[in-house]
Amino acid sequence: MKTSYALVATVLCAIGIASCAPEVAPPARPAGAIVRETKPAPQPPPPGETAGEESPELAARAPAKPTSQKPGAPKPAPPSGREAPTASPSEPIEGFGAVTSGGAGGRVITISEPTEAAVRAAFVDANQTGHAIIRFAVEDTIPIVKKLPILTSPNLTIDGEGATLDGSEMKEGSAIVDIRTHDVIVRNIHLRNGDDNLRFQGPDAFRIAVTHVSSTGSNDDGISIGYGAHDATVQYSFFAGDTRSVYCKYPGTNNISLHHSWIEKGAIRSPLFSGHLIADMRNMIIEDWGEWGSRFEDGASGNLVGSLFALSPYATEVGGKPHGALRFKDAGPVYTSDNAARGVALPPITGTASAPIAAPPVRTQKVAAMEPIVRARAGCMPRDRIDDAYIHMTSGWEVKETRPFRLSGSMPKVEKRE
């Protein structure tokens, strides 16, 4: 079954799911404006929530908690090591990537023109010194055609402020954003229609946090964490229409937290954890996979807790396998608890570990409490009409291992190899 994304968009417009008129964006922030960022004080888990397991080594690395203070006393400076998202809603970074500093305290590089040249210049500038916040102050989608500079200088924050980068015309094998350095935060951005949309690779890529990112329509990976990248968190993010949603593999890759995110209408690898790594996966919605859902393989171990696997009858018509919610292929110990299945999805299999694998704490809800939170907050906020269209489309879509599902941009000129 072949699907025209242009026809799909027209249908969505006609039925009122997607707007036919240009979006009215909020007033642009003045170029160079700096938002002062504070760290929310830690709170105990609300009723029905539990904290993840934490090893002594990781506990020692965690940022110190702010001390209590008397009323009227000046507030202490926020502890170093964590930068809170500036957009609302704001959730603290949790998991293996929580100790990242990002570009906190660094100079601000503002992208004020919606052009590839402006993005390229900002990346080149950031690479000169590191310790910078790359902030977008644009409303229009930015087409990326030629490969952008790989970011290699540490201590960076990419704050999209709702911007969209579209890689429809990039060559196969390219990533829209390619990062190979440490202490990086990527937040509040739409990455669409690249080969890889977002890539962290190599042993120099560590202490990474991805929060409130929408990654859709990739011809390969929605996000790739591999080749030795480690200590990374992906949270409150949204993936849809990708041939391979979340890909974590290759020697040295380790310590990955994936939580409070939503993966839907992806063909395979939703997510894939491969090799001798630890992955902590909590409060995820994995929905309407085009072929296969999640997989731990080749020695990968970790936790899968409080997550929902949902498959609609239509998804099975276009290739989604009811028994494919979760698979283990020569996996290491995996602890599973409080997961659920819905629709025609068969219940996810049970892991072999009798107790949780040690990982940094992540506040974790039961599925009933988690689901409305993730459905309301995952992805770049506020959601635009493209993300909304992915979410509301219940039929007429198809995604394969060789072909993404896109609601904007153009389709790949060459189908991805199986």
Protein backbone atom coordinates (compact mmCIF):
# COMPACT_ATOMS: atom_id res chain seq x y z
CA MET A 1 0.00 0.00 0.00
CA LYS A 2 1.55 3.33 -1.08
CA THR A 3 0.64 6.54 0.70
CA SER A 4 0.98 10.08 -0.67
CA TYR A 5 1.89 12.38 2.19
CA ALA A 6 0.65 15.34 0.12
CA LEU A 7 -2.75 13.68 -0.23
CA VAL A 8 -2.71 12.81 3.47
CA ALA A 9 -2.04 16.43 4.39
CA THR A 10 -4.91 17.56 2.13
CA VAL A 11 -7.28 15.09 3.77
CA LEU A 12 -6.21 16.17 7.23
CA CYS A 13 -6.81 19.78 6.28
CA ALA A 14 -10.27 18.97 4.92
CA ILE A 15 -11.37 17.14 8.06
CA GLY A 16 -10.02 19.79 10.36
CA ILE A 17 -7.16 17.91 11.99
CA ALA A 18 -4.48 20.05 10.37
CA SER A 19 -4.82 23.75 9.68
CA CYS A 20 -4.97 24.92 6.07
CA ALA A 21 -3.90 28.42 6.98
CA PRO A 22 -0.38 29.51 7.91
CA GLU A 23 0.34 29.15 11.60
CA VAL A 24 0.34 32.29 13.69
CA ALA A 25 3.52 32.18 15.70
CA PRO A 26 3.99 33.94 19.03
CA PRO A 27 5.97 37.19 18.95
CA ALA A 28 9.64 36.51 18.33
CA ARG A 29 12.01 37.02 21.23
CA PRO A 30 14.49 39.83 20.55
CA ALA A 31 17.74 38.56 19.09
CA GLY A 32 20.26 37.77 21.76
CA ALA A 33 17.73 37.86 24.61
CA ILE A 34 18.84 35.66 27.48
CA VAL A 35 16.40 33.72 29.62
CA ARG A 36 17.63 33.25 33.15
CA GLU A 37 17.43 29.60 33.98
CA THR A 38 16.86 28.11 37.39
CA LYS A 39 16.73 24.58 38.62
CA PRO A 40 13.43 23.49 40.17
CA ALA A 41 13.83 22.24 43.70
CA PRO A 42 13.59 18.46 43.98
CA GLN A 43 10.22 17.21 45.17
CA PRO A 44 9.29 13.83 46.61
CA PRO A 45 7.44 11.58 44.20
CA PRO A 46 3.66 12.20 44.19
CA PRO A 47 1.36 9.39 45.28
CA GLY A 48 1.61 6.45 42.91
CA GLU A 49 5.16 7.27 41.80
CA THR A 50 8.40 5.50 42.59
CA ALA A 51 12.01 6.46 42.17
CA GLY A 52 14.40 4.39 40.07
CA GLU A 53 17.28 2.43 41.53
CA GLU A 54 20.59 4.27 41.92
CA SER A 55 24.08 2.85 42.24
CA PRO A 56 26.46 4.32 44.89
CA GLU A 57 28.83 5.47 42.14
CA LEU A 58 26.12 7.39 40.29
CA ALA A 59 24.73 8.78 43.54
CA ALA A 60 28.13 10.27 44.29
CA ARG A 61 28.15 11.98 40.89
CA ALA A 62 24.66 13.48 41.23
CA PRO A 63 24.38 17.25 41.77
CA ALA A 64 23.97 18.33 45.38
CA LYS A 65 20.44 19.17 46.45
CA PRO A 66 19.74 22.78 47.43
CA THR A 67 19.56 23.35 51.16
CA SER A 68 16.44 24.67 52.84
CA GLN A 69 16.33 28.39 53.60
CA LYS A 70 14.50 30.72 55.94
CA PRO A 71 11.60 32.82 54.58
CA GLY A 72 12.88 36.04 53.08
CA ALA A 73 16.45 34.83 52.80
CA PRO A 74 18.15 35.29 49.42
CA LYS A 75 17.94 32.24 47.21
CA PRO A 76 21.19 30.32 46.78
CA ALA A 77 22.66 30.01 43.31
CA PRO A 78 21.44 26.85 41.57
CA PRO A 79 23.93 23.97 41.81
CA SER A 80 26.10 23.43 38.77
CA GLY A 81 25.49 20.42 36.61
CA ARG A 82 21.86 20.75 35.56
CA GLU A 83 20.12 23.21 33.29
CA ALA A 84 16.35 23.33 33.32
CA PRO A 85 14.40 23.67 30.05
CA THR A 86 13.21 27.23 29.45
CA ALA A 87 9.97 26.36 27.68
CA SER A 88 6.81 25.42 29.54
CA PRO A 89 6.20 22.76 30.72
CA SER A 90 9.56 22.38 32.42
CA GLU A 91 10.75 19.03 33.69
CA PRO A 92 14.14 18.49 35.34
CA ILE A 93 16.54 16.25 33.49
CA GLU A 94 16.64 12.79 35.09
CA GLY A 95 18.55 9.60 34.40
CA PHE A 96 22.05 8.92 33.14
CA GLY A 97 22.32 12.33 31.46
CA ALA A 98 21.16 14.36 34.47
CA VAL A 99 24.64 15.56 35.42
CA THR A 100 25.21 17.37 32.12
CA SER A 101 26.05 21.04 32.34
CA GLY A 102 25.18 21.90 28.75
CA GLY A 103 26.10 25.44 27.84
CA ALA A 104 24.99 26.94 31.17
CA GLY A 105 26.78 30.21 31.84
CA GLY A 106 28.21 30.37 28.33
CA ARG A 107 27.78 32.95 25.63
CA VAL A 108 24.56 33.02 23.60
CA ILE A 109 24.67 32.54 19.83
CA THR A 110 21.33 33.61 18.35
CA ILE A 111 20.04 32.33 15.02
CA SER A 112 17.72 35.08 13.82
CA GLU A 113 17.34 34.13 10.13
CA PRO A 114 15.57 30.93 8.94
CA THR A 115 18.38 29.87 6.62
CA GLU A 116 20.82 27.01 6.42
CA ALA A 117 23.64 29.56 6.23
CA ALA A 118 22.62 31.06 9.57
CA VAL A 119 22.54 27.66 11.26
CA ARG A 120 25.88 26.74 9.70
CA ALA A 121 27.48 29.97 10.93
CA ALA A 122 26.17 29.37 14.46
CA PHE A 123 27.56 25.82 14.56
CA VAL A 124 30.94 27.02 13.29
CA ASP A 125 30.95 29.75 15.92
CA ALA A 126 30.05 27.29 18.71
CA ASN A 127 32.85 24.97 17.64
CA GLN A 128 35.42 27.73 18.09
CA THR A 129 35.23 27.73 21.87
CA GLY A 130 32.43 25.51 23.12
CA HIS A 131 30.62 26.65 26.29
CA ALA A 132 27.76 28.25 24.39
CA ILE A 133 23.99 28.31 24.06
CA ILE A 134 22.77 28.16 20.45
CA ARG A 135 19.35 29.77 20.53
CA PHE A 136 16.89 29.89 17.63
CA ALA A 137 14.76 33.02 17.23
CA VAL A 138 12.96 32.11 14.00
CA GLU A 139 9.44 31.08 13.02
CA ASP A 140 9.78 29.58 9.54
CA THR A 141 10.96 26.03 8.83
CA ILE A 142 14.67 25.93 7.98
CA PRO A 143 15.51 23.58 5.07
CA ILE A 144 18.88 21.88 5.51
CA VAL A 145 20.38 20.58 2.25
CA LYS A 146 24.12 20.30 2.84
CA LYS A 147 25.58 18.60 5.87
CA LEU A 148 26.03 20.96 8.81
CA PRO A 149 29.31 21.06 10.77
CA ILE A 150 29.65 18.25 13.31
CA LEU A 151 29.56 19.78 16.79
CA THR A 152 32.81 18.82 18.53
CA SER A 153 33.41 21.45 21.23
CA PRO A 154 31.95 20.62 24.68
CA ASN A 155 29.44 22.36 26.91
CA LEU A 156 26.70 23.25 24.45
CA THR A 157 22.98 23.81 24.65
CA ILE A 158 20.87 23.82 21.49
CA ASP A 159 17.65 25.60 22.43
CA GLY A 160 15.29 25.45 19.48
CA GLU A 161 12.57 27.64 21.00
CA GLY A 162 10.16 25.68 18.77
CA ALA A 163 12.20 25.93 15.56
CA THR A 164 12.01 23.30 12.80
CA LEU A 165 14.93 21.91 10.78
CA ASP A 166 13.87 19.90 7.71
CA GLY A 167 16.39 17.55 6.11
CA SER A 168 14.26 16.24 3.23
CA GLU A 169 16.88 17.13 0.62
CA MET A 170 19.96 15.90 2.50
CA LYS A 171 22.02 13.04 1.16
CA GLU A 172 21.63 9.52 2.49
CA GLY A 173 23.95 8.92 5.43
CA SER A 174 23.77 12.48 6.75
CA ALA A 175 22.35 13.64 10.07
CA ILE A 176 20.56 16.95 10.48
CA VAL A 177 22.33 17.50 13.82
CA ASP A 178 25.50 15.46 14.49
CA ILE A 179 27.13 15.80 17.93
CA ARG A 180 30.40 14.19 19.01
CA THR A 181 31.25 15.96 22.23
CA HIS A 182 30.26 15.97 25.88
CA ASP A 183 27.98 17.97 28.15
CA VAL A 184 25.30 18.74 25.60
CA ILE A 185 21.61 19.58 25.96
CA VAL A 186 19.24 19.58 22.97
CA ARG A 187 15.76 20.85 23.67
CA ASN A 188 12.59 22.41 22.29
CA ILE A 189 13.17 21.70 18.59
CA HIS A 190 11.53 19.85 15.68
CA LEU A 191 13.90 17.72 13.60
CA ARG A 192 12.19 16.36 10.49
CA ASN A 193 12.82 14.19 7.49
CA GLY A 194 16.57 13.67 7.67
CA ASP A 195 18.39 10.43 7.07
CA ASP A 196 19.30 10.51 10.75
CA ASN A 197 17.55 13.38 12.49
CA LEU A 198 19.77 13.53 15.58
CA ARG A 199 23.04 11.71 16.13
CA PHE A 200 25.36 11.33 19.13
CA GLN A 201 28.38 9.23 18.28
CA GLY A 202 31.80 8.32 19.59
CA PRO A 203 33.37 8.00 23.06
CA ASP A 204 33.64 11.80 23.39
CA ALA A 205 29.83 12.06 23.35
CA PHE A 206 28.72 11.72 26.98
CA ARG A 207 26.67 13.54 29.61
CA ILE A 208 23.95 14.15 27.03
CA ALA A 209 20.35 15.27 27.53
CA VAL A 210 17.60 15.42 24.91
CA THR A 211 14.35 16.89 26.18
CA HIS A 212 11.18 18.06 24.46
CA VAL A 213 12.44 17.18 20.99
CA SER A 214 10.15 16.07 18.15
CA SER A 215 11.91 13.80 15.67
CA THR A 216 9.76 12.67 12.76
CA GLY A 217 9.96 11.23 9.25
CA SER A 218 13.59 10.06 9.36
CA ASN A 219 14.75 7.80 6.56
CA ASP A 220 16.99 6.06 9.10
CA ASP A 221 17.22 6.90 12.82
CA GLY A 222 15.03 9.36 14.67
CA ILE A 223 17.91 9.47 17.14
CA SER A 224 21.13 7.48 17.06
CA ILE A 225 23.30 7.00 20.16
CA GLY A 226 26.25 4.82 19.27
CA TYR A 227 29.90 4.03 18.68
CA GLY A 228 30.84 4.57 22.33
CA ALA A 229 28.49 7.42 23.28
CA HIS A 230 27.42 7.04 26.90
CA ASP A 231 25.58 8.54 29.87
CA ALA A 232 22.65 9.93 27.91
CA THR A 233 19.04 10.81 28.69
CA VAL A 234 16.20 11.11 26.18
CA GLN A 235 13.05 12.36 27.88
CA TYR A 236 9.71 14.01 27.09
CA SER A 237 10.35 13.57 23.38
CA PHE A 238 8.16 12.49 20.45
CA PHE A 239 9.05 10.20 17.56
CA ALA A 240 6.75 9.42 14.62
CA GLY A 241 7.03 8.21 11.03
CA ASP A 242 10.69 7.15 11.39
CA THR A 243 11.92 3.99 9.71
CA ARG A 244 14.11 3.37 12.80
CA SER A 245 13.03 5.36 15.82
CA VAL A 246 15.68 5.10 18.56
CA TYR A 247 18.95 3.27 17.82
CA CYS A 248 21.53 2.54 20.53
CA LYS A 249 24.38 0.25 19.47
CA TYR A 250 28.09 -0.48 18.95
CA PRO A 251 30.96 -1.12 21.36
CA GLY A 252 31.38 1.27 24.25
CA THR A 253 27.83 2.64 24.04
CA ASN A 254 26.38 2.49 27.55
CA ASN A 255 24.18 4.02 30.23
CA ILE A 256 21.10 5.28 28.41
CA SER A 257 17.91 6.55 30.03
CA LEU A 258 14.77 6.73 27.89
CA HIS A 259 11.72 7.95 29.74
CA HIS A 260 8.43 9.83 29.46
CA SER A 261 8.57 9.78 25.66
CA TRP A 262 6.18 8.70 22.92
CA ILE A 263 7.15 6.59 19.90
CA GLU A 264 4.45 5.99 17.31
CA LYS A 265 4.09 4.99 13.67
CA GLY A 266 7.73 3.92 13.48
CA ALA A 267 8.72 0.86 11.46
CA ILE A 268 11.29 -0.79 13.78
CA ARG A 269 13.71 -0.05 16.65
CA SER A 270 11.24 1.58 18.98
CA PRO A 271 13.76 1.47 20.60
CA LEU A 272 16.69 -0.89 19.91
CA PHE A 273 19.33 -1.51 22.60
CA SER A 274 22.15 -3.64 21.22
CA GLY A 275 25.45 -4.78 22.70
CA HIS A 276 26.78 -4.85 26.24
CA LEU A 277 25.05 -1.73 27.49
CA ILE A 278 22.65 -0.75 30.26
CA ALA A 279 19.40 0.95 29.29
CA ASP A 280 16.79 2.25 31.72
CA MET A 281 13.43 2.60 29.95
CA ARG A 282 10.48 3.97 31.94
CA ASN A 283 7.09 5.49 31.37
CA MET A 284 7.19 5.13 27.61
CA ILE A 285 4.31 4.93 25.13
CA ILE A 286 5.18 2.65 22.21
CA GLU A 287 2.30 2.76 19.76
CA ASP A 288 1.34 1.53 16.29
CA TRP A 289 4.70 0.16 15.20
CA GLY A 290 4.83 -0.49 11.47
CA GLU A 291 6.66 -3.82 11.83
CA TRP A 292 8.40 -4.38 15.19
CA GLY A 293 8.39 -2.58 18.54
CA SER A 294 11.19 -2.61 21.15
CA ARG A 295 14.21 -4.92 21.38
CA PHE A 296 17.08 -5.73 23.71
CA GLU A 297 19.76 -7.81 21.97
CA ASP A 298 23.35 -9.09 22.03
CA GLY A 299 23.97 -8.65 25.75
CA ALA A 300 21.97 -5.47 26.36
CA SER A 301 20.46 -5.31 29.84
CA GLY A 302 18.41 -2.84 31.84
CA ASN A 303 14.90 -2.02 32.98
CA LEU A 304 11.52 -1.65 31.31
CA VAL A 305 9.05 -0.22 33.79
CA GLY A 306 5.62 1.39 33.69
CA SER A 307 5.34 1.52 29.89
CA LEU A 308 2.42 1.09 27.50
CA PHE A 309 2.48 -0.89 24.24
CA ALA A 310 -0.58 -0.12 22.08
CA LEU A 311 -1.38 -1.46 18.60
CA SER A 312 -4.47 -0.58 16.59
CA PRO A 313 -6.20 -2.92 14.13
CA TYR A 314 -5.21 -0.58 11.29
CA ALA A 315 -1.53 -0.84 12.26
CA THR A 316 -1.71 -4.61 11.89
CA GLU A 317 -3.17 -4.17 8.38
CA VAL A 318 -0.03 -2.29 7.31
CA GLY A 319 2.43 -4.68 8.96
CA GLY A 320 2.48 -4.15 12.74
CA LYS A 321 2.96 -7.47 14.52
CA PRO A 322 0.86 -7.97 17.68
CA HIS A 323 3.58 -10.20 19.18
CA GLY A 324 6.29 -7.66 18.32
CA ALA A 325 5.84 -5.25 21.23
CA LEU A 326 9.01 -6.38 23.00
CA ARG A 327 11.65 -8.89 22.00
CA PHE A 328 14.81 -10.26 23.58
CA LYS A 329 17.50 -11.65 21.28
CA ASP A 330 20.50 -12.95 23.22
CA ALA A 331 19.87 -10.15 25.71
CA GLY A 332 21.41 -9.79 29.13
CA PRO A 333 19.30 -9.50 32.30
CA VAL A 334 16.30 -7.22 31.83
CA TYR A 335 13.95 -6.26 34.66
CA THR A 336 10.31 -5.71 33.62
CA SER A 337 7.52 -4.42 35.85
CA ASP A 338 4.11 -2.74 35.61
CA ASN A 339 3.97 -2.67 31.81
CA ALA A 340 0.70 -2.86 29.88
CA ALA A 341 -0.66 -3.75 26.44
CA ARG A 342 -3.64 -2.26 24.63
CA GLY A 343 -5.61 -2.85 21.45
CA VAL A 344 -4.44 -5.93 19.59
CA ALA A 345 -0.93 -5.85 21.05
CA LEU A 346 -0.02 -8.96 23.00
CA PRO A 347 1.37 -8.35 26.49
CA PRO A 348 5.13 -7.64 26.46
CA ILE A 349 7.27 -10.56 27.53
CA THR A 350 8.75 -10.77 31.01
CA GLY A 351 12.44 -10.12 31.58
CA THR A 352 14.85 -12.48 33.29
CA ALA A 353 16.09 -10.15 36.06
CA SER A 354 14.39 -10.56 39.44
CA ALA A 355 15.37 -7.09 40.66
CA PRO A 356 15.93 -3.70 38.99
CA ILE A 357 19.26 -3.06 37.31
CA ALA A 358 21.05 -0.14 39.02
CA ALA A 359 20.42 3.20 37.32
CA PRO A 360 20.07 6.85 38.37
CA PRO A 361 16.66 7.83 39.75
CA VAL A 362 13.76 8.73 37.47
CA ARG A 363 10.39 9.51 39.00
CA THR A 364 8.17 6.77 37.65
CA GLN A 365 4.37 6.59 37.56
CA LYS A 366 2.03 3.69 37.05
CA VAL A 367 0.78 3.43 33.48
CA ALA A 368 -2.63 4.95 34.27
CA ALA A 369 -0.99 8.06 35.74
CA MET A 370 1.84 8.21 33.20
CA GLU A 371 -0.20 8.01 30.00
CA PRO A 372 -1.98 11.38 30.12
CA ILE A 373 1.26 13.10 31.14
CA VAL A 374 3.24 11.72 28.21
CA ARG A 375 0.44 12.24 25.69
CA ALA A 376 0.17 15.87 26.81
CA ARG A 377 3.86 16.76 27.22
CA ALA A 378 6.06 14.65 24.95
CA GLY A 379 7.75 16.48 22.10
CA CYS A 380 8.53 20.08 21.29
CA MET A 381 5.99 22.27 23.08
CA PRO A 382 3.60 23.67 22.12
CA ARG A 383 2.97 21.10 19.44
CA ASP A 384 2.64 22.33 15.89
CA ARG A 385 0.14 21.11 13.31
CA ILE A 386 2.50 18.47 11.90
CA ASP A 387 3.01 16.74 15.24
CA ASP A 388 -0.73 17.00 15.90
CA ALA A 389 -1.47 15.44 12.52
CA TYR A 390 0.79 12.46 13.26
CA ILE A 391 -1.00 11.97 16.57
CA HIS A 392 -4.56 12.24 15.26
CA MET A 393 -4.13 10.15 12.12
CA THR A 394 -5.69 6.74 12.73
CA SER A 395 -5.61 5.36 9.16
CA GLY A 396 -4.17 6.11 5.75
CA TRP A 397 -0.56 5.97 6.93
CA GLU A 398 2.16 3.43 6.23
CA VAL A 399 5.76 3.20 7.38
CA LYS A 400 8.25 0.53 6.37
CA GLU A 401 11.81 -0.39 7.21
CA THR A 402 12.71 0.99 3.78
CA ARG A 403 10.42 4.02 3.65
CA PRO A 404 9.42 6.63 6.27
CA PHE A 405 6.03 8.20 6.75
CA ARG A 406 6.20 11.98 6.26
CA LEU A 407 3.58 14.69 6.59
CA SER A 408 5.82 17.51 5.36
CA GLY A 409 8.83 18.04 3.12
CA SER A 410 9.60 15.55 0.36
CA MET A 411 10.05 11.80 0.33
CA PRO A 412 13.54 10.23 0.00
CA LYS A 413 14.77 9.80 -3.53
CA VAL A 414 16.22 6.38 -2.66
CA GLU A 415 14.53 3.84 -0.41
CA LYS A 416 16.52 2.77 2.65
CA ARG A 417 18.14 -0.64 2.41
CA GLU A 418 16.63 -3.35 4.63
